[in-house]
Amino acid sequence: MTTILFLFLGQCVFAGVVIFVLKGLLDKELIRAAIEKFESCKISPDIKEIAIFSASTISDEFKYNLESIRKRKFADVNLKFQENTELKGGVVIALGEELLDFSLASRLENFWS
C-alpha cells in the first residue's frame, strides 16, 4: 500500500513539474507574440496611457522591450503595469478601447469553445 501511495505521489509531482514547465514556455511565447503585435500597432494621438496586465510580475526583459518600443513609437504615452491573476499567464495590453489579448485564460477559453 505504501509503495502505491509513493508511486501516486511521484506521478502527481511529475505532472506538476511538467505543467509548470509547459506553462512557462507558453507564457514566453504569448509574451513574445504580444511584443511583436505591440510594435506593429498604431494608437490614437489622444491616448496618454497604455495599461499592461499580466498574471504575475513582468520580467525586466519584457519591460525593457515594451519601454523601447514606447520610446520609439509612442513617446508621449506612459506604460502602466498591473497584475491580474485571472489571466493565468501571458499579457493583455490595453490601448485605449483596443485590447491586445495574449493571455493564457483567453487561449484556454478559445480552445474549449
C-alpha atoms as a PDB file:
ATOM      1  CA  MET A   1       0.000   0.000   0.000  1.00  0.00           C
ATOM      2  CA  THR A   2       2.836   2.390   0.855  1.00  0.00           C
ATOM      3  CA  THR A   3       4.507   1.690  -2.488  1.00  0.00           C
ATOM      4  CA  ILE A   4       1.317   2.544  -4.378  1.00  0.00           C
ATOM      5  CA  LEU A   5       0.991   5.775  -2.401  1.00  0.00           C
ATOM      6  CA  PHE A   6       4.597   6.761  -3.202  1.00  0.00           C
ATOM      7  CA  LEU A   7       4.075   5.960  -6.897  1.00  0.00           C
ATOM      8  CA  PHE A   8       0.921   8.059  -6.965  1.00  0.00           C
ATOM      9  CA  LEU A   9       2.618  10.983  -5.219  1.00  0.00           C
ATOM     10  CA  GLY A  10       5.585  10.697  -7.586  1.00  0.00           C
ATOM     11  CA  GLN A  11       3.280  10.845 -10.594  1.00  0.00           C
ATOM     12  CA  CYS A  12       1.494  13.895  -9.151  1.00  0.00           C
ATOM     13  CA  VAL A  13       4.790  15.687  -8.576  1.00  0.00           C
ATOM     14  CA  PHE A  14       5.972  14.798 -12.091  1.00  0.00           C
ATOM     15  CA  ALA A  15       2.702  16.037 -13.613  1.00  0.00           C
ATOM     16  CA  GLY A  16       3.010  19.271 -11.629  1.00  0.00           C
ATOM     17  CA  VAL A  17       6.551  19.847 -12.875  1.00  0.00           C
ATOM     18  CA  VAL A  18       5.520  19.168 -16.487  1.00  0.00           C
ATOM     19  CA  ILE A  19       2.589  21.600 -16.213  1.00  0.00           C
ATOM     20  CA  PHE A  20       4.844  24.241 -14.639  1.00  0.00           C
ATOM     21  CA  VAL A  21       7.442  23.905 -17.429  1.00  0.00           C
ATOM     22  CA  LEU A  22       4.829  23.938 -20.215  1.00  0.00           C
ATOM     23  CA  LYS A  23       3.087  26.972 -18.705  1.00  0.00           C
ATOM     24  CA  GLY A  24       6.420  28.792 -18.553  1.00  0.00           C
ATOM     25  CA  LEU A  25       7.165  28.017 -22.203  1.00  0.00           C
ATOM     26  CA  LEU A  26       3.676  29.022 -23.308  1.00  0.00           C
ATOM     27  CA  ASP A  27       3.904  32.199 -21.228  1.00  0.00           C
ATOM     28  CA  LYS A  28       7.138  33.183 -23.020  1.00  0.00           C
ATOM     29  CA  GLU A  29       5.553  32.533 -26.431  1.00  0.00           C
ATOM     30  CA  LEU A  30       2.499  34.631 -25.565  1.00  0.00           C
ATOM     31  CA  ILE A  31       4.700  37.493 -24.350  1.00  0.00           C
ATOM     32  CA  ARG A  32       6.869  37.307 -27.474  1.00  0.00           C
ATOM     33  CA  ALA A  33       3.743  37.479 -29.663  1.00  0.00           C
ATOM     34  CA  ALA A  34       2.432  40.434 -27.624  1.00  0.00           C
ATOM     35  CA  ILE A  35       5.683  42.341 -28.174  1.00  0.00           C
ATOM     36  CA  GLU A  36       5.520  41.739 -31.943  1.00  0.00           C
ATOM     37  CA  LYS A  37       1.895  42.899 -32.110  1.00  0.00           C
ATOM     38  CA  PHE A  38       2.591  45.935 -29.882  1.00  0.00           C
ATOM     39  CA  GLU A  39       5.427  47.002 -32.151  1.00  0.00           C
ATOM     40  CA  SER A  40       3.219  46.867 -35.247  1.00  0.00           C
ATOM     41  CA  CYS A  41       0.144  48.604 -33.806  1.00  0.00           C
ATOM     42  CA  LYS A  42      -0.953  52.208 -34.129  1.00  0.00           C
ATOM     43  CA  ILE A  43      -2.762  54.196 -31.462  1.00  0.00           C
ATOM     44  CA  SER A  44      -4.889  57.300 -31.342  1.00  0.00           C
ATOM     45  CA  PRO A  45      -2.955  60.508 -30.542  1.00  0.00           C
ATOM     46  CA  ASP A  46      -5.291  61.239 -27.598  1.00  0.00           C
ATOM     47  CA  ILE A  47      -4.170  58.107 -25.694  1.00  0.00           C
ATOM     48  CA  LYS A  48      -1.809  59.055 -22.873  1.00  0.00           C
ATOM     49  CA  GLU A  49      -1.519  55.722 -21.078  1.00  0.00           C
ATOM     50  CA  ILE A  50      -1.160  52.093 -22.133  1.00  0.00           C
ATOM     51  CA  ALA A  51      -2.064  49.507 -19.492  1.00  0.00           C
ATOM     52  CA  ILE A  52      -0.157  46.220 -19.413  1.00  0.00           C
ATOM     53  CA  PHE A  53      -1.901  43.462 -17.433  1.00  0.00           C
ATOM     54  CA  SER A  54      -0.033  40.285 -16.521  1.00  0.00           C
ATOM     55  CA  ALA A  55      -0.777  37.209 -14.434  1.00  0.00           C
ATOM     56  CA  SER A  56       2.417  37.639 -12.421  1.00  0.00           C
ATOM     57  CA  THR A  57       5.354  40.010 -12.098  1.00  0.00           C
ATOM     58  CA  ILE A  58       6.606  41.054 -15.523  1.00  0.00           C
ATOM     59  CA  SER A  59      10.245  40.303 -16.265  1.00  0.00           C
ATOM     60  CA  ASP A  60      12.729  43.131 -16.637  1.00  0.00           C
ATOM     61  CA  GLU A  61      13.450  41.964 -20.201  1.00  0.00           C
ATOM     62  CA  PHE A  62       9.782  42.279 -21.189  1.00  0.00           C
ATOM     63  CA  LYS A  63       9.515  45.713 -19.553  1.00  0.00           C
ATOM     64  CA  TYR A  64      12.677  46.830 -21.354  1.00  0.00           C
ATOM     65  CA  ASN A  65      11.291  45.663 -24.727  1.00  0.00           C
ATOM     66  CA  LEU A  66       7.982  47.455 -24.175  1.00  0.00           C
ATOM     67  CA  GLU A  67       9.703  50.622 -22.993  1.00  0.00           C
ATOM     68  CA  SER A  68      11.989  50.593 -26.052  1.00  0.00           C
ATOM     69  CA  ILE A  69       9.002  50.324 -28.381  1.00  0.00           C
ATOM     70  CA  ARG A  70       7.119  53.007 -26.423  1.00  0.00           C
ATOM     71  CA  LYS A  71      10.031  55.445 -26.625  1.00  0.00           C
ATOM     72  CA  ARG A  72      10.426  54.848 -30.349  1.00  0.00           C
ATOM     73  CA  LYS A  73       6.746  54.891 -31.372  1.00  0.00           C
ATOM     74  CA  PHE A  74       4.688  56.450 -28.588  1.00  0.00           C
ATOM     75  CA  ALA A  75       6.961  58.983 -26.856  1.00  0.00           C
ATOM     76  CA  ASP A  76       4.129  60.884 -25.114  1.00  0.00           C
ATOM     77  CA  VAL A  77       2.463  57.769 -23.706  1.00  0.00           C
ATOM     78  CA  ASN A  78       3.057  56.211 -20.276  1.00  0.00           C
ATOM     79  CA  LEU A  79       3.071  52.475 -19.606  1.00  0.00           C
ATOM     80  CA  LYS A  80       1.199  51.251 -16.550  1.00  0.00           C
ATOM     81  CA  PHE A  81       1.915  47.706 -15.346  1.00  0.00           C
ATOM     82  CA  GLN A  82      -0.686  45.793 -13.318  1.00  0.00           C
ATOM     83  CA  GLU A  83      -1.056  42.213 -12.144  1.00  0.00           C
ATOM     84  CA  ASN A  84      -4.261  40.268 -12.797  1.00  0.00           C
ATOM     85  CA  THR A  85      -4.135  36.626 -11.704  1.00  0.00           C
ATOM     86  CA  GLU A  86      -7.290  35.800 -13.692  1.00  0.00           C
ATOM     87  CA  LEU A  87      -5.164  35.887 -16.873  1.00  0.00           C
ATOM     88  CA  LYS A  88      -3.381  32.649 -15.782  1.00  0.00           C
ATOM     89  CA  GLY A  89      -0.368  33.619 -17.920  1.00  0.00           C
ATOM     90  CA  GLY A  90       0.662  35.879 -20.776  1.00  0.00           C
ATOM     91  CA  VAL A  91      -0.361  39.529 -21.001  1.00  0.00           C
ATOM     92  CA  VAL A  92      -3.141  41.860 -22.097  1.00  0.00           C
ATOM     93  CA  ILE A  93      -2.195  45.267 -23.489  1.00  0.00           C
ATOM     94  CA  ALA A  94      -4.922  47.925 -23.344  1.00  0.00           C
ATOM     95  CA  LEU A  95      -4.503  50.632 -25.985  1.00  0.00           C
ATOM     96  CA  GLY A  96      -7.499  52.791 -25.158  1.00  0.00           C
ATOM     97  CA  GLU A  97     -10.517  50.816 -26.378  1.00  0.00           C
ATOM     98  CA  GLU A  98      -8.403  48.221 -28.203  1.00  0.00           C
ATOM     99  CA  LEU A  99      -7.136  45.143 -26.360  1.00  0.00           C
ATOM    100  CA  LEU A 100      -4.216  43.015 -27.449  1.00  0.00           C
ATOM    101  CA  ASP A 101      -5.129  39.829 -25.582  1.00  0.00           C
ATOM    102  CA  PHE A 102      -2.249  37.393 -25.313  1.00  0.00           C
ATOM    103  CA  SER A 103      -3.421  35.786 -22.075  1.00  0.00           C
ATOM    104  CA  LEU A 104      -3.450  32.100 -21.281  1.00  0.00           C
ATOM    105  CA  ALA A 105      -7.017  32.428 -19.982  1.00  0.00           C
ATOM    106  CA  SER A 106      -8.319  33.618 -23.363  1.00  0.00           C
ATOM    107  CA  ARG A 107      -6.356  30.920 -25.199  1.00  0.00           C
ATOM    108  CA  LEU A 108      -7.874  28.239 -22.969  1.00  0.00           C
ATOM    109  CA  GLU A 109     -11.346  29.718 -23.412  1.00  0.00           C
ATOM    110  CA  ASN A 110     -10.964  29.709 -27.198  1.00  0.00           C
ATOM    111  CA  PHE A 111      -9.608  26.156 -27.092  1.00  0.00           C
ATOM    112  CA  TRP A 112     -12.626  24.805 -25.206  1.00  0.00           C
ATOM    113  CA  SER A 113     -15.247  26.723 -27.186  1.00  0.00           C
END
